[in-house]
Amino acid sequence: MANPSTQNKTVFADYCILRAPVISEKFASVSECNQVCFIVDNKASKKDIKNAVERVFDVNVVSVQTIIRKGKQRMFKGRRARLGDKKHAIVRLADGQRIAFDGV
């Protein structure tokens, strides 16, 4: 049986991997195909993302696709600055399963 303190660390790590859901018109069309998009930690692997989604939302994940969106160049007080990169994960769920973001 797992130690309760280790189990809490695992759940905390899962929430660190999944930063936020992406809710936009573009990804709303993807949700019709049983897919959900998240902004995830840049160092997370596909296995990490799959395990985190399965544990946090209690669903079965079929596949994970990742996209790294490069940061944009901006001017800040007369100097060039570059925003950080973002990693998106498109997660395909098993048939009949759904993640609802009602509070968002």
Foldseek 3Di string as FASTA:
>chain_A
DDDVVVVVVLLVVLCQFFPAWDDDPVCVVVVVQQKTKTWGDPPDDFVSNQVSCCVPVVFHWDGKDKDKAFWDWDADPNDIDTDHIIMMIITHTDPPDDDDPVVD
